Amino acid sequence: AEWDKILAEVEKKLEAIETLRGLIKNRLKELYPQITCKMDVLDDLSKQLENIVDTLNAKGDELGFEE
């Protein structure tokens, strides 16, 4: 009987773990598009900053500034 109680407890815990796993998986599915969207925005900003730096460097070269 003691063994049955332990097994029942283990089964309950396993079910709880499965439920949590499902919830986490669903949440990640929700968040993934938001994260990738933000990554794209950051990539764009990074490219814009690179262009600005290149432009400033070119202007500096034109004006004879050294780095």
PDB file of N, CA and C in Angstrom:
ATOM      1  N   ALA A   1       0.838  -1.200   0.000  1.00  0.00           N
ATOM      2  CA  ALA A   1       0.000   0.000   0.000  1.00  0.00           C
ATOM      3  C   ALA A   1       0.875   1.252   0.000  1.00  0.00           C
ATOM      4  N   GLU A   2       1.958   1.206   0.782  1.00  0.00           N
ATOM      5  CA  GLU A   2       2.886   2.341   0.832  1.00  0.00           C
ATOM      6  C   GLU A   2       3.482   2.588  -0.553  1.00  0.00           C
ATOM      7  N   TRP A   3       3.833   1.495  -1.207  1.00  0.00           N
ATOM      8  CA  TRP A   3       4.418   1.568  -2.546  1.00  0.00           C
ATOM      9  C   TRP A   3       3.434   2.198  -3.524  1.00  0.00           C
ATOM     10  N   ASP A   4       2.170   1.836  -3.421  1.00  0.00           N
ATOM     11  CA  ASP A   4       1.139   2.401  -4.294  1.00  0.00           C
ATOM     12  C   ASP A   4       1.004   3.902  -4.078  1.00  0.00           C
ATOM     13  N   LYS A   5       1.093   4.334  -2.819  1.00  0.00           N
ATOM     14  CA  LYS A   5       1.015   5.775  -2.523  1.00  0.00           C
ATOM     15  C   LYS A   5       2.177   6.508  -3.190  1.00  0.00           C
ATOM     16  N   ILE A   6       3.369   5.936  -3.069  1.00  0.00           N
ATOM     17  CA  ILE A   6       4.558   6.563  -3.659  1.00  0.00           C
ATOM     18  C   ILE A   6       4.397   6.651  -5.175  1.00  0.00           C
ATOM     19  N   LEU A   7       3.952   5.553  -5.778  1.00  0.00           N
ATOM     20  CA  LEU A   7       3.751   5.551  -7.239  1.00  0.00           C
ATOM     21  C   LEU A   7       2.713   6.580  -7.662  1.00  0.00           C
ATOM     22  N   ALA A   8       1.633   6.680  -6.897  1.00  0.00           N
ATOM     23  CA  ALA A   8       0.583   7.652  -7.212  1.00  0.00           C
ATOM     24  C   ALA A   8       1.136   9.071  -7.120  1.00  0.00           C
ATOM     25  N   GLU A   9       1.948   9.311  -6.108  1.00  0.00           N
ATOM     26  CA  GLU A   9       2.559  10.636  -5.924  1.00  0.00           C
ATOM     27  C   GLU A   9       3.493  10.964  -7.082  1.00  0.00           C
ATOM     28  N   VAL A  10       4.301   9.991  -7.474  1.00  0.00           N
ATOM     29  CA  VAL A  10       5.223  10.171  -8.596  1.00  0.00           C
ATOM     30  C   VAL A  10       4.434  10.463  -9.877  1.00  0.00           C
ATOM     31  N   GLU A  11       3.354   9.731 -10.097  1.00  0.00           N
ATOM     32  CA  GLU A  11       2.525   9.960 -11.290  1.00  0.00           C
ATOM     33  C   GLU A  11       1.954  11.368 -11.297  1.00  0.00           C
ATOM     34  N   LYS A  12       1.479  11.834 -10.127  1.00  0.00           N
ATOM     35  CA  LYS A  12       0.928  13.192 -10.028  1.00  0.00           C
ATOM     36  C   LYS A  12       1.988  14.226 -10.397  1.00  0.00           C
ATOM     37  N   LYS A  13       3.187  14.004  -9.855  1.00  0.00           N
ATOM     38  CA  LYS A  13       4.275  14.945 -10.127  1.00  0.00           C
ATOM     39  C   LYS A  13       4.643  14.926 -11.614  1.00  0.00           C
ATOM     40  N   LEU A  14       4.667  13.755 -12.208  1.00  0.00           N
ATOM     41  CA  LEU A  14       4.976  13.653 -13.638  1.00  0.00           C
ATOM     42  C   LEU A  14       3.923  14.381 -14.476  1.00  0.00           C
ATOM     43  N   GLU A  15       2.666  14.234 -14.099  1.00  0.00           N
ATOM     44  CA  GLU A  15       1.591  14.930 -14.809  1.00  0.00           C
ATOM     45  C   GLU A  15       1.760  16.439 -14.680  1.00  0.00           C
ATOM     46  N   ALA A  16       2.116  16.883 -13.482  1.00  0.00           N
ATOM     47  CA  ALA A  16       2.333  18.319 -13.260  1.00  0.00           C
ATOM     48  C   ALA A  16       3.481  18.821 -14.122  1.00  0.00           C
ATOM     49  N   ILE A  17       4.543  18.033 -14.207  1.00  0.00           N
ATOM     50  CA  ILE A  17       5.692  18.402 -15.036  1.00  0.00           C
ATOM     51  C   ILE A  17       5.268  18.497 -16.502  1.00  0.00           C
ATOM     52  N   GLU A  18       4.500  17.526 -16.967  1.00  0.00           N
ATOM     53  CA  GLU A  18       4.020  17.544 -18.359  1.00  0.00           C
ATOM     54  C   GLU A  18       3.177  18.784 -18.632  1.00  0.00           C
ATOM     55  N   THR A  19       2.313  19.119 -17.683  1.00  0.00           N
ATOM     56  CA  THR A  19       1.462  20.308 -17.826  1.00  0.00           C
ATOM     57  C   THR A  19       2.329  21.562 -17.928  1.00  0.00           C
ATOM     58  N   LEU A  20       3.291  21.669 -17.021  1.00  0.00           N
ATOM     59  CA  LEU A  20       4.202  22.822 -17.048  1.00  0.00           C
ATOM     60  C   LEU A  20       4.961  22.886 -18.363  1.00  0.00           C
ATOM     61  N   ARG A  21       5.418  21.741 -18.815  1.00  0.00           N
ATOM     62  CA  ARG A  21       6.162  21.661 -20.075  1.00  0.00           C
ATOM     63  C   ARG A  21       5.301  22.194 -21.223  1.00  0.00           C
ATOM     64  N   GLY A  22       4.037  21.788 -21.242  1.00  0.00           N
ATOM     65  CA  GLY A  22       3.111  22.263 -22.264  1.00  0.00           C
ATOM     66  C   GLY A  22       2.906  23.767 -22.197  1.00  0.00           C
ATOM     67  N   LEU A  23       2.750  24.292 -20.980  1.00  0.00           N
ATOM     68  CA  LEU A  23       2.551  25.731 -20.802  1.00  0.00           C
ATOM     69  C   LEU A  23       3.776  26.511 -21.278  1.00  0.00           C
ATOM     70  N   ILE A  24       4.954  26.029 -20.909  1.00  0.00           N
ATOM     71  CA  ILE A  24       6.196  26.700 -21.306  1.00  0.00           C
ATOM     72  C   ILE A  24       6.341  26.673 -22.830  1.00  0.00           C
ATOM     73  N   LYS A  25       6.050  25.518 -23.413  1.00  0.00           N
ATOM     74  CA  LYS A  25       6.160  25.382 -24.871  1.00  0.00           C
ATOM     75  C   LYS A  25       5.215  26.369 -25.574  1.00  0.00           C
ATOM     76  N   ASN A  26       3.980  26.469 -25.097  1.00  0.00           N
ATOM     77  CA  ASN A  26       3.017  27.399 -25.686  1.00  0.00           C
ATOM     78  C   ASN A  26       3.473  28.843 -25.533  1.00  0.00           C
ATOM     79  N   ARG A  27       4.000  29.169 -24.364  1.00  0.00           N
ATOM     80  CA  ARG A  27       4.463  30.549 -24.114  1.00  0.00           C
ATOM     81  C   ARG A  27       5.627  30.892 -25.051  1.00  0.00           C
ATOM     82  N   LEU A  28       6.527  29.933 -25.238  1.00  0.00           N
ATOM     83  CA  LEU A  28       7.660  30.166 -26.140  1.00  0.00           C
ATOM     84  C   LEU A  28       7.175  30.374 -27.576  1.00  0.00           C
ATOM     85  N   LYS A  29       6.149  29.604 -27.963  1.00  0.00           N
ATOM     86  CA  LYS A  29       5.576  29.782 -29.307  1.00  0.00           C
ATOM     87  C   LYS A  29       5.019  31.187 -29.472  1.00  0.00           C
ATOM     88  N   GLU A  30       4.401  31.715 -28.401  1.00  0.00           N
ATOM     89  CA  GLU A  30       3.855  33.080 -28.435  1.00  0.00           C
ATOM     90  C   GLU A  30       4.980  34.106 -28.531  1.00  0.00           C
ATOM     91  N   LEU A  31       6.031  33.906 -27.748  1.00  0.00           N
ATOM     92  CA  LEU A  31       7.093  34.904 -27.648  1.00  0.00           C
ATOM     93  C   LEU A  31       8.029  34.906 -28.849  1.00  0.00           C
ATOM     94  N   TYR A  32       8.194  33.754 -29.492  1.00  0.00           N
ATOM     95  CA  TYR A  32       9.177  33.641 -30.571  1.00  0.00           C
ATOM     96  C   TYR A  32       9.018  34.708 -31.654  1.00  0.00           C
ATOM     97  N   PRO A  33       7.799  34.916 -32.197  1.00  0.00           N
ATOM     98  CA  PRO A  33       7.656  35.946 -33.246  1.00  0.00           C
ATOM     99  C   PRO A  33       8.018  37.343 -32.735  1.00  0.00           C
ATOM    100  N   GLN A  34       7.660  37.649 -31.487  1.00  0.00           N
ATOM    101  CA  GLN A  34       7.990  38.961 -30.914  1.00  0.00           C
ATOM    102  C   GLN A  34       9.500  39.125 -30.816  1.00  0.00           C
ATOM    103  N   ILE A  35      10.173  38.067 -30.378  1.00  0.00           N
ATOM    104  CA  ILE A  35      11.629  38.121 -30.216  1.00  0.00           C
ATOM    105  C   ILE A  35      12.296  38.294 -31.582  1.00  0.00           C
ATOM    106  N   THR A  36      11.869  37.511 -32.570  1.00  0.00           N
ATOM    107  CA  THR A  36      12.504  37.613 -33.884  1.00  0.00           C
ATOM    108  C   THR A  36      12.235  38.974 -34.503  1.00  0.00           C
ATOM    109  N   CYS A  37      11.040  39.523 -34.267  1.00  0.00           N
ATOM    110  CA  CYS A  37      10.707  40.856 -34.768  1.00  0.00           C
ATOM    111  C   CYS A  37      11.652  41.886 -34.156  1.00  0.00           C
ATOM    112  N   LYS A  38      11.855  41.804 -32.842  1.00  0.00           N
ATOM    113  CA  LYS A  38      12.756  42.740 -32.163  1.00  0.00           C
ATOM    114  C   LYS A  38      14.188  42.572 -32.667  1.00  0.00           C
ATOM    115  N   MET A  39      14.581  41.339 -32.956  1.00  0.00           N
ATOM    116  CA  MET A  39      15.923  41.100 -33.483  1.00  0.00           C
ATOM    117  C   MET A  39      16.083  41.787 -34.842  1.00  0.00           C
ATOM    118  N   ASP A  40      15.044  41.703 -35.685  1.00  0.00           N
ATOM    119  CA  ASP A  40      15.092  42.357 -36.993  1.00  0.00           C
ATOM    120  C   ASP A  40      15.235  43.866 -36.828  1.00  0.00           C
ATOM    121  N   VAL A  41      14.489  44.438 -35.887  1.00  0.00           N
ATOM    122  CA  VAL A  41      14.572  45.879 -35.620  1.00  0.00           C
ATOM    123  C   VAL A  41      15.990  46.241 -35.176  1.00  0.00           C
ATOM    124  N   LEU A  42      16.557  45.427 -34.282  1.00  0.00           N
ATOM    125  CA  LEU A  42      17.920  45.687 -33.809  1.00  0.00           C
ATOM    126  C   LEU A  42      18.931  45.578 -34.950  1.00  0.00           C
ATOM    127  N   ASP A  43      18.747  44.605 -35.841  1.00  0.00           N
ATOM    128  CA  ASP A  43      19.629  44.473 -37.003  1.00  0.00           C
ATOM    129  C   ASP A  43      19.565  45.726 -37.865  1.00  0.00           C
ATOM    130  N   ASP A  44      18.349  46.210 -38.106  1.00  0.00           N
ATOM    131  CA  ASP A  44      18.160  47.431 -38.891  1.00  0.00           C
ATOM    132  C   ASP A  44      18.878  48.611 -38.246  1.00  0.00           C
ATOM    133  N   LEU A  45      18.669  48.784 -36.952  1.00  0.00           N
ATOM    134  CA  LEU A  45      19.306  49.892 -36.237  1.00  0.00           C
ATOM    135  C   LEU A  45      20.826  49.777 -36.301  1.00  0.00           C
ATOM    136  N   SER A  46      21.316  48.567 -36.176  1.00  0.00           N
ATOM    137  CA  SER A  46      22.754  48.339 -36.229  1.00  0.00           C
ATOM    138  C   SER A  46      23.313  48.751 -37.595  1.00  0.00           C
ATOM    139  N   LYS A  47      22.599  48.385 -38.662  1.00  0.00           N
ATOM    140  CA  LYS A  47      23.031  48.766 -40.021  1.00  0.00           C
ATOM    141  C   LYS A  47      22.994  50.280 -40.189  1.00  0.00           C
ATOM    142  N   GLN A  48      21.957  50.915 -39.665  1.00  0.00           N
ATOM    143  CA  GLN A  48      21.854  52.372 -39.753  1.00  0.00           C
ATOM    144  C   GLN A  48      23.019  53.032 -39.024  1.00  0.00           C
ATOM    145  N   LEU A  49      23.352  52.510 -37.840  1.00  0.00           N
ATOM    146  CA  LEU A  49      24.480  53.063 -37.086  1.00  0.00           C
ATOM    147  C   LEU A  49      25.790  52.883 -37.849  1.00  0.00           C
ATOM    148  N   GLU A  50      25.969  51.725 -38.456  1.00  0.00           N
ATOM    149  CA  GLU A  50      27.175  51.491 -39.256  1.00  0.00           C
ATOM    150  C   GLU A  50      27.265  52.508 -40.389  1.00  0.00           C
ATOM    151  N   ASN A  51      26.131  52.765 -41.048  1.00  0.00           N
ATOM    152  CA  ASN A  51      26.115  53.742 -42.143  1.00  0.00           C
ATOM    153  C   ASN A  51      26.471  55.138 -41.636  1.00  0.00           C
ATOM    154  N   ILE A  52      25.932  55.499 -40.483  1.00  0.00           N
ATOM    155  CA  ILE A  52      26.220  56.818 -39.902  1.00  0.00           C
ATOM    156  C   ILE A  52      27.717  56.936 -39.593  1.00  0.00           C
ATOM    157  N   VAL A  53      28.269  55.886 -38.993  1.00  0.00           N
ATOM    158  CA  VAL A  53      29.698  55.896 -38.647  1.00  0.00           C
ATOM    159  C   VAL A  53      30.547  56.005 -39.921  1.00  0.00           C
ATOM    160  N   ASP A  54      30.166  55.226 -40.954  1.00  0.00           N
ATOM    161  CA  ASP A  54      30.902  55.294 -42.221  1.00  0.00           C
ATOM    162  C   ASP A  54      30.844  56.701 -42.811  1.00  0.00           C
ATOM    163  N   THR A  55      29.652  57.305 -42.765  1.00  0.00           N
ATOM    164  CA  THR A  55      29.473  58.665 -43.290  1.00  0.00           C
ATOM    165  C   THR A  55      30.337  59.650 -42.508  1.00  0.00           C
ATOM    166  N   LEU A  56      30.316  59.537 -41.187  1.00  0.00           N
ATOM    167  CA  LEU A  56      31.124  60.433 -40.351  1.00  0.00           C
ATOM    168  C   LEU A  56      32.614  60.240 -40.626  1.00  0.00           C
ATOM    169  N   ASN A  57      33.035  58.996 -40.784  1.00  0.00           N
ATOM    170  CA  ASN A  57      34.445  58.729 -41.092  1.00  0.00           C
ATOM    171  C   ASN A  57      34.832  59.341 -42.428  1.00  0.00           C
ATOM    172  N   ALA A  58      33.951  59.190 -43.413  1.00  0.00           N
ATOM    173  CA  ALA A  58      34.221  59.755 -44.740  1.00  0.00           C
ATOM    174  C   ALA A  58      34.316  61.277 -44.657  1.00  0.00           C
ATOM    175  N   LYS A  59      33.378  61.902 -43.927  1.00  0.00           N
ATOM    176  CA  LYS A  59      33.413  63.368 -43.761  1.00  0.00           C
ATOM    177  C   LYS A  59      34.692  63.782 -43.052  1.00  0.00           C
ATOM    178  N   GLY A  60      35.062  63.029 -42.021  1.00  0.00           N
ATOM    179  CA  GLY A  60      36.285  63.321 -41.285  1.00  0.00           C
ATOM    180  C   GLY A  60      37.499  63.241 -42.195  1.00  0.00           C
ATOM    181  N   ASP A  61      37.538  62.216 -43.059  1.00  0.00           N
ATOM    182  CA  ASP A  61      38.644  62.081 -44.014  1.00  0.00           C
ATOM    183  C   ASP A  61      38.674  63.270 -44.963  1.00  0.00           C
ATOM    184  N   GLU A  62      37.492  63.674 -45.453  1.00  0.00           N
ATOM    185  CA  GLU A  62      37.395  64.821 -46.364  1.00  0.00           C
ATOM    186  C   GLU A  62      37.968  66.072 -45.706  1.00  0.00           C
ATOM    187  N   LEU A  63      37.659  66.238 -44.421  1.00  0.00           N
ATOM    188  CA  LEU A  63      38.081  67.436 -43.703  1.00  0.00           C
ATOM    189  C   LEU A  63      39.493  67.308 -43.133  1.00  0.00           C
ATOM    190  N   GLY A  64      40.083  66.142 -43.304  1.00  0.00           N
ATOM    191  CA  GLY A  64      41.469  65.942 -42.882  1.00  0.00           C
ATOM    192  C   GLY A  64      41.638  65.562 -41.425  1.00  0.00           C
ATOM    193  N   PHE A  65      40.576  65.050 -40.792  1.00  0.00           N
ATOM    194  CA  PHE A  65      40.715  64.596 -39.404  1.00  0.00           C
ATOM    195  C   PHE A  65      41.338  63.213 -39.370  1.00  0.00           C
ATOM    196  N   GLU A  66      42.183  62.997 -38.367  1.00  0.00           N
ATOM    197  CA  GLU A  66      42.750  61.666 -38.153  1.00  0.00           C
ATOM    198  C   GLU A  66      41.902  60.957 -37.093  1.00  0.00           C
ATOM    199  N   GLU A  67      41.836  59.621 -37.153  1.00  0.00           N
ATOM    200  CA  GLU A  67      41.094  58.869 -36.123  1.00  0.00           C
ATOM    201  C   GLU A  67      41.879  58.838 -34.845  1.00  0.00           C
TER     202      GLU A  67
END
